[in-house]
C-alpha atoms as a PDB file:
ATOM      1  CA  UNK A   1      12.720 -18.539  -5.051  1.00  0.00           C
ATOM      2  CA  UNK A   2      10.864 -18.177  -8.375  1.00  0.00           C
ATOM      3  CA  UNK A   3       7.618 -18.036  -6.701  1.00  0.00           C
ATOM      4  CA  UNK A   4       8.934 -14.781  -4.303  1.00  0.00           C
ATOM      5  CA  UNK A   5       9.932 -13.258  -7.626  1.00  0.00           C
ATOM      6  CA  UNK A   6       6.927 -13.397  -9.448  1.00  0.00           C
ATOM      7  CA  UNK A   7       4.948 -12.106  -6.650  1.00  0.00           C
ATOM      8  CA  UNK A   8       7.192  -9.046  -6.641  1.00  0.00           C
ATOM      9  CA  UNK A   9       6.850  -8.406 -10.350  1.00  0.00           C
ATOM     10  CA  UNK A  10       3.742  -8.859 -10.321  1.00  0.00           C
ATOM     11  CA  UNK A  11       3.461  -6.367  -7.598  1.00  0.00           C
ATOM     12  CA  UNK A  12       5.580  -3.911  -9.252  1.00  0.00           C
ATOM     13  CA  UNK A  13       3.722  -4.187 -12.468  1.00  0.00           C
ATOM     14  CA  UNK A  14       0.308  -3.082 -11.021  1.00  0.00           C
ATOM     15  CA  UNK A  15       2.236  -0.476  -9.595  1.00  0.00           C
ATOM     16  CA  UNK A  16       3.662   0.729 -12.752  1.00  0.00           C
ATOM     17  CA  UNK A  17       0.744   0.384 -14.377  1.00  0.00           C
ATOM     18  CA  UNK A  18      -1.847   2.548 -11.506  1.00  0.00           C
ATOM     19  CA  UNK A  19       1.195   5.150 -11.338  1.00  0.00           C
ATOM     20  CA  UNK A  20       0.593   5.268 -15.632  1.00  0.00           C
ATOM     21  CA  UNK A  21      -3.222   5.718 -14.947  1.00  0.00           C
ATOM     22  CA  UNK A  22      -3.169   8.109 -12.442  1.00  0.00           C
ATOM     23  CA  UNK A  23      -3.515  11.627 -13.802  1.00  0.00           C
ATOM     24  CA  UNK A  24      -6.228   9.932 -16.462  1.00  0.00           C
ATOM     25  CA  UNK A  25      -8.051   8.523 -12.510  1.00  0.00           C
ATOM     26  CA  UNK A  26      -7.755  11.472 -10.845  1.00  0.00           C
ATOM     27  CA  UNK A  27      -9.084  13.609 -14.050  1.00  0.00           C
ATOM     28  CA  UNK A  28     -12.190  10.846 -13.368  1.00  0.00           C
ATOM     29  CA  UNK A  29     -12.348  11.381  -9.695  1.00  0.00           C
ATOM     30  CA  UNK A  30     -10.905   8.330  -8.910  1.00  0.00           C
ATOM     31  CA  UNK A  31      -9.925   7.985  -4.742  1.00  0.00           C
ATOM     32  CA  UNK A  32      -6.881   6.732  -5.609  1.00  0.00           C
ATOM     33  CA  UNK A  33      -5.893   6.098  -1.876  1.00  0.00           C
ATOM     34  CA  UNK A  34      -9.086   3.375  -2.132  1.00  0.00           C
ATOM     35  CA  UNK A  35      -7.759   1.520  -5.342  1.00  0.00           C
ATOM     36  CA  UNK A  36      -4.196   1.771  -4.201  1.00  0.00           C
ATOM     37  CA  UNK A  37      -5.422  -0.284  -0.994  1.00  0.00           C
ATOM     38  CA  UNK A  38      -7.972  -2.763  -3.309  1.00  0.00           C
ATOM     39  CA  UNK A  39      -5.005  -4.004  -5.420  1.00  0.00           C
ATOM     40  CA  UNK A  40      -2.622  -4.256  -2.152  1.00  0.00           C
ATOM     41  CA  UNK A  41      -5.322  -6.241  -0.348  1.00  0.00           C
ATOM     42  CA  UNK A  42      -6.053  -8.271  -3.665  1.00  0.00           C
ATOM     43  CA  UNK A  43      -2.220  -9.108  -3.696  1.00  0.00           C
ATOM     44  CA  UNK A  44      -1.610  -9.746  -0.313  1.00  0.00           C
ATOM     45  CA  UNK A  45      -4.730 -12.140  -0.690  1.00  0.00           C
ATOM     46  CA  UNK A  46      -3.235 -13.840  -3.829  1.00  0.00           C
ATOM     47  CA  UNK A  47      -0.236 -14.615  -2.541  1.00  0.00           C
ATOM     48  CA  UNK A  48      -2.176 -16.462   0.610  1.00  0.00           C
ATOM     49  CA  UNK A  49      -4.012 -18.203  -1.901  1.00  0.00           C
ATOM     50  CA  UNK A  50      -0.933 -19.517  -3.228  1.00  0.00           C
ATOM     51  CA  UNK A  51       0.690 -20.258  -0.175  1.00  0.00           C
ATOM     52  CA  UNK A  52       3.740 -18.353  -0.762  1.00  0.00           C
ATOM     53  CA  UNK A  53       5.925 -17.514   2.471  1.00  0.00           C
ATOM     54  CA  UNK A  54       7.325 -13.679   1.009  1.00  0.00           C
ATOM     55  CA  UNK A  55       9.063 -12.224   4.379  1.00  0.00           C
ATOM     56  CA  UNK A  56      10.174  -9.812   2.000  1.00  0.00           C
ATOM     57  CA  UNK A  57       6.729  -8.614   1.291  1.00  0.00           C
ATOM     58  CA  UNK A  58       6.081  -8.231   5.099  1.00  0.00           C
ATOM     59  CA  UNK A  59       5.065  -4.827   5.884  1.00  0.00           C
ATOM     60  CA  UNK A  60       5.842  -3.638   1.938  1.00  0.00           C
ATOM     61  CA  UNK A  61       4.288  -0.536   0.706  1.00  0.00           C
ATOM     62  CA  UNK A  62       2.827   0.240  -2.514  1.00  0.00           C
ATOM     63  CA  UNK A  63       3.215   3.557  -3.243  1.00  0.00           C
ATOM     64  CA  UNK A  64       3.580   4.648   0.414  1.00  0.00           C
ATOM     65  CA  UNK A  65       0.612   3.127   1.565  1.00  0.00           C
ATOM     66  CA  UNK A  66       2.016  -0.182   4.039  1.00  0.00           C
ATOM     67  CA  UNK A  67      -0.583  -3.527   4.244  1.00  0.00           C
ATOM     68  CA  UNK A  68       0.067  -3.246   7.817  1.00  0.00           C
ATOM     69  CA  UNK A  69      -1.959   0.497   7.951  1.00  0.00           C
ATOM     70  CA  UNK A  70      -5.090  -0.741   6.929  1.00  0.00           C
ATOM     71  CA  UNK A  71      -7.173  -1.560   9.695  1.00  0.00           C
ATOM     72  CA  UNK A  72      -9.200  -5.478   9.498  1.00  0.00           C
ATOM     73  CA  UNK A  73     -12.481  -3.239   8.931  1.00  0.00           C
ATOM     74  CA  UNK A  74     -11.244  -1.294   6.109  1.00  0.00           C
ATOM     75  CA  UNK A  75      -9.811  -4.487   4.930  1.00  0.00           C
ATOM     76  CA  UNK A  76     -13.105  -6.120   5.120  1.00  0.00           C
ATOM     77  CA  UNK A  77     -15.115  -2.915   3.493  1.00  0.00           C
ATOM     78  CA  UNK A  78     -12.909  -2.919   1.058  1.00  0.00           C
ATOM     79  CA  UNK A  79     -12.466  -6.955   0.268  1.00  0.00           C
ATOM     80  CA  UNK A  80     -16.152  -6.171  -0.275  1.00  0.00           C
ATOM     81  CA  UNK A  81     -16.294  -3.442  -2.116  1.00  0.00           C
ATOM     82  CA  UNK A  82     -13.844  -4.813  -4.682  1.00  0.00           C
ATOM     83  CA  UNK A  83     -15.798  -8.272  -4.911  1.00  0.00           C
ATOM     84  CA  UNK A  84     -18.568  -6.600  -5.906  1.00  0.00           C
ATOM     85  CA  UNK A  85     -17.460  -4.768  -8.625  1.00  0.00           C
ATOM     86  CA  UNK A  86     -19.617  -1.974  -8.309  1.00  0.00           C
ATOM     87  CA  UNK A  87     -17.827   1.352  -7.402  1.00  0.00           C
ATOM     88  CA  UNK A  88     -15.378   2.892 -10.435  1.00  0.00           C
ATOM     89  CA  UNK A  89     -12.533   2.281  -8.270  1.00  0.00           C
ATOM     90  CA  UNK A  90     -13.102  -1.929  -7.998  1.00  0.00           C
ATOM     91  CA  UNK A  91     -13.221  -2.006 -11.775  1.00  0.00           C
ATOM     92  CA  UNK A  92     -10.335  -0.324 -12.617  1.00  0.00           C
ATOM     93  CA  UNK A  93      -8.827  -2.154  -9.753  1.00  0.00           C
ATOM     94  CA  UNK A  94     -10.275  -5.232 -11.793  1.00  0.00           C
ATOM     95  CA  UNK A  95      -9.238  -4.041 -15.252  1.00  0.00           C
ATOM     96  CA  UNK A  96      -5.708  -4.103 -14.336  1.00  0.00           C
ATOM     97  CA  UNK A  97      -5.199  -7.516 -12.965  1.00  0.00           C
ATOM     98  CA  UNK A  98      -6.939  -8.810 -16.181  1.00  0.00           C
ATOM     99  CA  UNK A  99      -4.463  -6.708 -18.398  1.00  0.00           C
ATOM    100  CA  UNK A 100      -1.443  -7.717 -15.594  1.00  0.00           C
ATOM    101  CA  UNK A 101      -2.925 -11.584 -16.063  1.00  0.00           C
ATOM    102  CA  UNK A 102      -2.644 -10.492 -19.958  1.00  0.00           C
ATOM    103  CA  UNK A 103       0.696  -9.841 -20.115  1.00  0.00           C
ATOM    104  CA  UNK A 104       2.222 -12.887 -18.101  1.00  0.00           C
ATOM    105  CA  UNK A 105       0.652 -15.057 -20.535  1.00  0.00           C
END
């Protein structure tokens, strides 16, 4: 049960950080949908890597986006972009994830 709570809290923290940064990100022409999808895919991958089973997360949404609505080709493309860390959205996603990790310590 602790893992479920921790994962849900981490997802909420990601969403809250993005929401607070949204005006700045939009001014810098960030593609918010792409950024949110990257974070959502990272979140799902993190859960899978930890082998957590979270029935409440199935079909969950991240600011109106649902992982079920992202096609497999989009997931592969976004994950590759996230891993390469070359685009503005990927760099922001990595920075937000590092920030959340620091908050947890």
